[in-house]
All heavy atoms as atom14 arrays in JSON, in Angstrom:
{
  "sequence": "ELFDRKKNPVVTTKIGAEIIKQAKLTLTET",
  "atom14_mask": [
    [1, 1, 1, 1, 1, 1, 1, 1, 1, 0, 0, 0, 0, 0],
    [1, 1, 1, 1, 1, 1, 1, 1, 0, 0, 0, 0, 0, 0],
    [1, 1, 1, 1, 1, 1, 1, 1, 1, 1, 1, 0, 0, 0],
    [1, 1, 1, 1, 1, 1, 1, 1, 0, 0, 0, 0, 0, 0],
    [1, 1, 1, 1, 1, 1, 1, 1, 1, 1, 1, 0, 0, 0],
    [1, 1, 1, 1, 1, 1, 1, 1, 1, 0, 0, 0, 0, 0],
    [1, 1, 1, 1, 1, 1, 1, 1, 1, 0, 0, 0, 0, 0],
    [1, 1, 1, 1, 1, 1, 1, 1, 0, 0, 0, 0, 0, 0],
    [1, 1, 1, 1, 1, 1, 1, 0, 0, 0, 0, 0, 0, 0],
    [1, 1, 1, 1, 1, 1, 1, 0, 0, 0, 0, 0, 0, 0],
    [1, 1, 1, 1, 1, 1, 1, 0, 0, 0, 0, 0, 0, 0],
    [1, 1, 1, 1, 1, 1, 1, 0, 0, 0, 0, 0, 0, 0],
    [1, 1, 1, 1, 1, 1, 1, 0, 0, 0, 0, 0, 0, 0],
    [1, 1, 1, 1, 1, 1, 1, 1, 1, 0, 0, 0, 0, 0],
    [1, 1, 1, 1, 1, 1, 1, 1, 0, 0, 0, 0, 0, 0],
    [1, 1, 1, 1, 0, 0, 0, 0, 0, 0, 0, 0, 0, 0],
    [1, 1, 1, 1, 1, 0, 0, 0, 0, 0, 0, 0, 0, 0],
    [1, 1, 1, 1, 1, 1, 1, 1, 1, 0, 0, 0, 0, 0],
    [1, 1, 1, 1, 1, 1, 1, 1, 0, 0, 0, 0, 0, 0],
    [1, 1, 1, 1, 1, 1, 1, 1, 0, 0, 0, 0, 0, 0],
    [1, 1, 1, 1, 1, 1, 1, 1, 1, 0, 0, 0, 0, 0],
    [1, 1, 1, 1, 1, 1, 1, 1, 1, 0, 0, 0, 0, 0],
    [1, 1, 1, 1, 1, 0, 0, 0, 0, 0, 0, 0, 0, 0],
    [1, 1, 1, 1, 1, 1, 1, 1, 1, 0, 0, 0, 0, 0],
    [1, 1, 1, 1, 1, 1, 1, 1, 0, 0, 0, 0, 0, 0],
    [1, 1, 1, 1, 1, 1, 1, 0, 0, 0, 0, 0, 0, 0],
    [1, 1, 1, 1, 1, 1, 1, 1, 0, 0, 0, 0, 0, 0],
    [1, 1, 1, 1, 1, 1, 1, 0, 0, 0, 0, 0, 0, 0],
    [1, 1, 1, 1, 1, 1, 1, 1, 1, 0, 0, 0, 0, 0],
    [1, 1, 1, 1, 1, 1, 1, 0, 0, 0, 0, 0, 0, 0]
  ],
  "atom14_positions": [
    [[-237.3, 19.63, -37.12], [-237.53, 19.11, -35.77], [-236.7, 19.87, -34.76], [-235.53, 20.19, -35.01], [-237.19, 17.62, -35.72], [-238.17, 16.77, -36.5], [-237.91, 15.28, -36.32], [-236.88, 14.91, -35.73], [-238.75, 14.5, -36.78], [0.0, 0.0, 0.0], [0.0, 0.0, 0.0], [0.0, 0.0, 0.0], [0.0, 0.0, 0.0], [0.0, 0.0, 0.0]],
    [[-237.29, 20.14, -33.62], [-236.61, 20.81, -32.53], [-235.99, 19.82, -31.55], [-235.03, 20.15, -30.86], [-237.58, 21.73, -31.78], [-238.25, 22.8, -32.64], [-239.32, 23.53, -31.83], [-237.22, 23.78, -33.17], [0.0, 0.0, 0.0], [0.0, 0.0, 0.0], [0.0, 0.0, 0.0], [0.0, 0.0, 0.0], [0.0, 0.0, 0.0], [0.0, 0.0, 0.0]],
    [[-236.56, 18.61, -31.51], [-236.11, 17.6, -30.56], [-235.91, 16.26, -31.24], [-236.67, 15.9, -32.15], [-237.14, 17.43, -29.43], [-237.41, 18.7, -28.67], [-238.55, 19.44, -28.92], [-236.52, 19.15, -27.73], [-238.8, 20.62, -28.24], [-236.75, 20.34, -27.04], [-237.89, 21.07, -27.29], [0.0, 0.0, 0.0], [0.0, 0.0, 0.0], [0.0, 0.0, 0.0]],
    [[-234.92, 15.52, -30.78], [-234.72, 14.14, -31.2], [-235.48, 13.27, -30.22], [-235.04, 13.06, -29.08], [-233.23, 13.78, -31.21], [-232.96, 12.37, -31.71], [-233.93, 11.6, -31.87], [-231.78, 12.05, -31.92], [0.0, 0.0, 0.0], [0.0, 0.0, 0.0], [0.0, 0.0, 0.0], [0.0, 0.0, 0.0], [0.0, 0.0, 0.0], [0.0, 0.0, 0.0]],
    [[-236.64, 12.8, -30.64], [-237.51, 12.03, -29.76], [-237.08, 10.57, -29.61], [-237.61, 9.85, -28.79], [-238.95, 12.08, -30.29], [-239.56, 13.47, -30.21], [-240.82, 13.54, -31.07], [-241.53, 14.79, -30.95], [-241.21, 15.92, -31.56], [-240.15, 15.96, -32.34], [-241.93, 17.01, -31.4], [0.0, 0.0, 0.0], [0.0, 0.0, 0.0], [0.0, 0.0, 0.0]],
    [[-236.12, 10.14, -30.43], [-235.67, 8.75, -30.38], [-234.79, 8.5, -29.16], [-234.6, 7.36, -28.76], [-234.9, 8.4, -31.65], [-235.73, 8.49, -32.9], [-234.88, 8.26, -34.13], [-235.64, 8.7, -35.36], [-234.91, 9.67, -36.15], [0.0, 0.0, 0.0], [0.0, 0.0, 0.0], [0.0, 0.0, 0.0], [0.0, 0.0, 0.0], [0.0, 0.0, 0.0]],
    [[-234.25, 9.55, -28.59], [-233.35, 9.42, -27.45], [-234.09, 9.68, -26.15], [-235.05, 10.44, -26.11], [-232.17, 10.37, -27.6], [-231.38, 10.07, -28.86], [-230.12, 10.85, -28.92], [-229.39, 10.43, -30.2], [-228.12, 11.05, -30.36], [0.0, 0.0, 0.0], [0.0, 0.0, 0.0], [0.0, 0.0, 0.0], [0.0, 0.0, 0.0], [0.0, 0.0, 0.0]],
    [[-233.63, 9.01, -25.12], [-234.22, 9.21, -23.8], [-233.08, 9.44, -22.83], [-232.25, 8.56, -22.65], [-235.05, 8.0, -23.39], [-235.92, 8.29, -22.19], [-236.0, 9.41, -21.73], [-236.55, 7.26, -21.69], [0.0, 0.0, 0.0], [0.0, 0.0, 0.0], [0.0, 0.0, 0.0], [0.0, 0.0, 0.0], [0.0, 0.0, 0.0], [0.0, 0.0, 0.0]],
    [[-232.96, 10.61, -22.23], [-233.9, 11.71, -22.28], [-233.91, 12.39, -23.65], [-232.98, 12.22, -24.43], [-233.4, 12.66, -21.19], [-231.95, 12.35, -21.04], [-231.8, 10.9, -21.39], [0.0, 0.0, 0.0], [0.0, 0.0, 0.0], [0.0, 0.0, 0.0], [0.0, 0.0, 0.0], [0.0, 0.0, 0.0], [0.0, 0.0, 0.0], [0.0, 0.0, 0.0]],
    [[-234.96, 13.17, -23.87], [-235.14, 13.88, -25.14], [-233.94, 14.82, -25.35], [-233.5, 15.49, -24.42], [-236.45, 14.7, -25.11], [-236.58, 15.58, -26.33], [-237.64, 13.76, -25.0], [0.0, 0.0, 0.0], [0.0, 0.0, 0.0], [0.0, 0.0, 0.0], [0.0, 0.0, 0.0], [0.0, 0.0, 0.0], [0.0, 0.0, 0.0], [0.0, 0.0, 0.0]],
    [[-233.44, 14.85, -26.58], [-232.29, 15.68, -26.91], [-232.73, 16.78, -27.87], [-233.45, 16.52, -28.83], [-231.17, 14.83, -27.56], [-230.01, 15.7, -28.0], [-230.71, 13.74, -26.61], [0.0, 0.0, 0.0], [0.0, 0.0, 0.0], [0.0, 0.0, 0.0], [0.0, 0.0, 0.0], [0.0, 0.0, 0.0], [0.0, 0.0, 0.0], [0.0, 0.0, 0.0]],
    [[-232.29, 17.99, -27.6], [-232.59, 19.12, -28.47], [-231.67, 19.07, -29.69], [-230.47, 18.83, -29.55], [-232.36, 20.44, -27.71], [-233.11, 20.41, -26.5], [-232.79, 21.64, -28.53], [0.0, 0.0, 0.0], [0.0, 0.0, 0.0], [0.0, 0.0, 0.0], [0.0, 0.0, 0.0], [0.0, 0.0, 0.0], [0.0, 0.0, 0.0], [0.0, 0.0, 0.0]],
    [[-232.23, 19.27, -30.87], [-231.41, 19.31, -32.08], [-230.59, 20.59, -32.09], [-230.87, 21.53, -31.33], [-232.28, 19.25, -33.35], [-233.12, 20.42, -33.4], [-233.13, 17.99, -33.4], [0.0, 0.0, 0.0], [0.0, 0.0, 0.0], [0.0, 0.0, 0.0], [0.0, 0.0, 0.0], [0.0, 0.0, 0.0], [0.0, 0.0, 0.0], [0.0, 0.0, 0.0]],
    [[-229.61, 20.65, -32.97], [-228.76, 21.84, -33.05], [-229.59, 23.07, -33.38], [-229.47, 24.1, -32.72], [-227.66, 21.63, -34.1], [-226.69, 22.76, -34.17], [-225.57, 22.47, -35.16], [-224.62, 23.65, -35.23], [-223.53, 23.42, -36.18], [0.0, 0.0, 0.0], [0.0, 0.0, 0.0], [0.0, 0.0, 0.0], [0.0, 0.0, 0.0], [0.0, 0.0, 0.0]],
    [[-230.42, 22.97, -34.39], [-231.25, 24.13, -34.75], [-232.32, 24.38, -33.69], [-232.69, 25.51, -33.42], [-231.88, 23.98, -36.16], [-232.41, 25.32, -36.63], [-232.94, 22.92, -36.19], [-232.46, 25.49, -38.1], [0.0, 0.0, 0.0], [0.0, 0.0, 0.0], [0.0, 0.0, 0.0], [0.0, 0.0, 0.0], [0.0, 0.0, 0.0], [0.0, 0.0, 0.0]],
    [[-232.77, 23.32, -33.03], [-233.72, 23.46, -31.94], [-233.14, 24.29, -30.8], [-233.83, 25.13, -30.2], [0.0, 0.0, 0.0], [0.0, 0.0, 0.0], [0.0, 0.0, 0.0], [0.0, 0.0, 0.0], [0.0, 0.0, 0.0], [0.0, 0.0, 0.0], [0.0, 0.0, 0.0], [0.0, 0.0, 0.0], [0.0, 0.0, 0.0], [0.0, 0.0, 0.0]],
    [[-231.85, 24.08, -30.51], [-231.18, 24.85, -29.45], [-231.16, 26.34, -29.79], [-231.36, 27.19, -28.91], [-229.77, 24.32, -29.24], [0.0, 0.0, 0.0], [0.0, 0.0, 0.0], [0.0, 0.0, 0.0], [0.0, 0.0, 0.0], [0.0, 0.0, 0.0], [0.0, 0.0, 0.0], [0.0, 0.0, 0.0], [0.0, 0.0, 0.0], [0.0, 0.0, 0.0]],
    [[-230.95, 26.64, -31.07], [-230.95, 28.05, -31.49], [-232.33, 28.67, -31.35], [-232.48, 29.81, -30.9], [-230.47, 28.16, -32.93], [-229.01, 27.78, -33.12], [-228.57, 27.81, -34.57], [-229.06, 28.69, -35.32], [-227.74, 26.97, -34.95], [0.0, 0.0, 0.0], [0.0, 0.0, 0.0], [0.0, 0.0, 0.0], [0.0, 0.0, 0.0], [0.0, 0.0, 0.0]],
    [[-233.34, 27.9, -31.74], [-234.73, 28.39, -31.64], [-235.11, 28.59, -30.18], [-235.73, 29.59, -29.81], [-235.7, 27.41, -32.33], [-235.43, 27.34, -33.83], [-237.16, 27.79, -32.05], [-235.65, 28.63, -34.59], [0.0, 0.0, 0.0], [0.0, 0.0, 0.0], [0.0, 0.0, 0.0], [0.0, 0.0, 0.0], [0.0, 0.0, 0.0], [0.0, 0.0, 0.0]],
    [[-234.73, 27.64, -29.32], [-235.08, 27.74, -27.9], [-234.37, 28.92, -27.25], [-234.95, 29.61, -26.41], [-234.78, 26.41, -27.19], [-235.79, 25.36, -27.67], [-234.85, 26.56, -25.68], [-235.46, 23.94, -27.3], [0.0, 0.0, 0.0], [0.0, 0.0, 0.0], [0.0, 0.0, 0.0], [0.0, 0.0, 0.0], [0.0, 0.0, 0.0], [0.0, 0.0, 0.0]],
    [[-233.15, 29.18, -27.66], [-232.43, 30.35, -27.14], [-233.22, 31.62, -27.46], [-233.42, 32.47, -26.6], [-231.04, 30.41, -27.76], [-230.2, 31.55, -27.27], [-228.82, 31.52, -27.92], [-228.0, 32.73, -27.53], [-226.68, 32.74, -28.18], [0.0, 0.0, 0.0], [0.0, 0.0, 0.0], [0.0, 0.0, 0.0], [0.0, 0.0, 0.0], [0.0, 0.0, 0.0]],
    [[-233.7, 31.73, -28.68], [-234.49, 32.9, -29.08], [-235.84, 32.91, -28.38], [-236.35, 33.97, -28.0], [-234.68, 32.93, -30.6], [-235.3, 34.19, -31.11], [-234.46, 35.43, -30.82], [-233.27, 35.45, -31.05], [-235.1, 36.47, -30.3], [0.0, 0.0, 0.0], [0.0, 0.0, 0.0], [0.0, 0.0, 0.0], [0.0, 0.0, 0.0], [0.0, 0.0, 0.0]],
    [[-236.43, 31.74, -28.19], [-237.72, 31.63, -27.49], [-237.59, 32.15, -26.05], [-238.48, 32.86, -25.56], [-238.21, 30.19, -27.49], [0.0, 0.0, 0.0], [0.0, 0.0, 0.0], [0.0, 0.0, 0.0], [0.0, 0.0, 0.0], [0.0, 0.0, 0.0], [0.0, 0.0, 0.0], [0.0, 0.0, 0.0], [0.0, 0.0, 0.0], [0.0, 0.0, 0.0]],
    [[-236.5, 31.82, -25.41], [-236.29, 32.3, -24.03], [-236.21, 33.82, -24.0], [-236.79, 34.45, -23.11], [-235.01, 31.69, -23.45], [-235.15, 30.22, -23.11], [-233.82, 29.66, -22.61], [-233.94, 28.19, -22.28], [-232.64, 27.62, -21.83], [0.0, 0.0, 0.0], [0.0, 0.0, 0.0], [0.0, 0.0, 0.0], [0.0, 0.0, 0.0], [0.0, 0.0, 0.0]],
    [[-235.5, 34.4, -24.96], [-235.42, 35.87, -25.04], [-236.8, 36.48, -25.29], [-237.17, 37.47, -24.67], [-234.46, 36.29, -26.15], [-232.98, 35.99, -25.92], [-232.19, 36.27, -27.2], [-232.44, 36.8, -24.76], [0.0, 0.0, 0.0], [0.0, 0.0, 0.0], [0.0, 0.0, 0.0], [0.0, 0.0, 0.0], [0.0, 0.0, 0.0], [0.0, 0.0, 0.0]],
    [[-237.55, 35.88, -26.19], [-238.89, 36.37, -26.51], [-239.79, 36.31, -25.28], [-240.52, 37.27, -24.99], [-239.49, 35.54, -27.66], [-238.65, 35.67, -28.8], [-240.9, 36.01, -28.0], [0.0, 0.0, 0.0], [0.0, 0.0, 0.0], [0.0, 0.0, 0.0], [0.0, 0.0, 0.0], [0.0, 0.0, 0.0], [0.0, 0.0, 0.0], [0.0, 0.0, 0.0]],
    [[-239.74, 35.21, -24.55], [-240.58, 35.07, -23.36], [-240.17, 36.06, -22.26], [-241.02, 36.61, -21.58], [-240.52, 33.63, -22.85], [-241.18, 32.6, -23.77], [-240.88, 31.18, -23.29], [-242.68, 32.83, -23.87], [0.0, 0.0, 0.0], [0.0, 0.0, 0.0], [0.0, 0.0, 0.0], [0.0, 0.0, 0.0], [0.0, 0.0, 0.0], [0.0, 0.0, 0.0]],
    [[-238.87, 36.3, -22.14], [-238.39, 37.28, -21.16], [-238.9, 38.67, -21.52], [-239.38, 39.41, -20.66], [-236.85, 37.28, -21.1], [-236.41, 35.99, -20.66], [-236.32, 38.34, -20.15], [0.0, 0.0, 0.0], [0.0, 0.0, 0.0], [0.0, 0.0, 0.0], [0.0, 0.0, 0.0], [0.0, 0.0, 0.0], [0.0, 0.0, 0.0], [0.0, 0.0, 0.0]],
    [[-238.81, 39.03, -22.79], [-239.29, 40.34, -23.23], [-240.8, 40.46, -23.07], [-241.31, 41.52, -22.73], [-238.86, 40.61, -24.67], [-237.36, 40.78, -24.84], [-236.79, 41.93, -24.03], [-237.37, 43.04, -24.03], [-235.76, 41.71, -23.37], [0.0, 0.0, 0.0], [0.0, 0.0, 0.0], [0.0, 0.0, 0.0], [0.0, 0.0, 0.0], [0.0, 0.0, 0.0]],
    [[-241.5, 39.36, -23.32], [-242.96, 39.37, -23.14], [-243.31, 39.61, -21.68], [-244.23, 40.38, -21.36], [-243.56, 38.04, -23.63], [-243.22, 37.86, -25.0], [-245.08, 38.03, -23.47], [0.0, 0.0, 0.0], [0.0, 0.0, 0.0], [0.0, 0.0, 0.0], [0.0, 0.0, 0.0], [0.0, 0.0, 0.0], [0.0, 0.0, 0.0], [0.0, 0.0, 0.0]]
  ]
}
């Protein structure tokens, strides 16, 4: 899971934060 949906506001999981960091780089390069 990338997000903890049980919390409001939605919280990014630890591994989700790592994936999102890489996703941002990928989108920037794209």
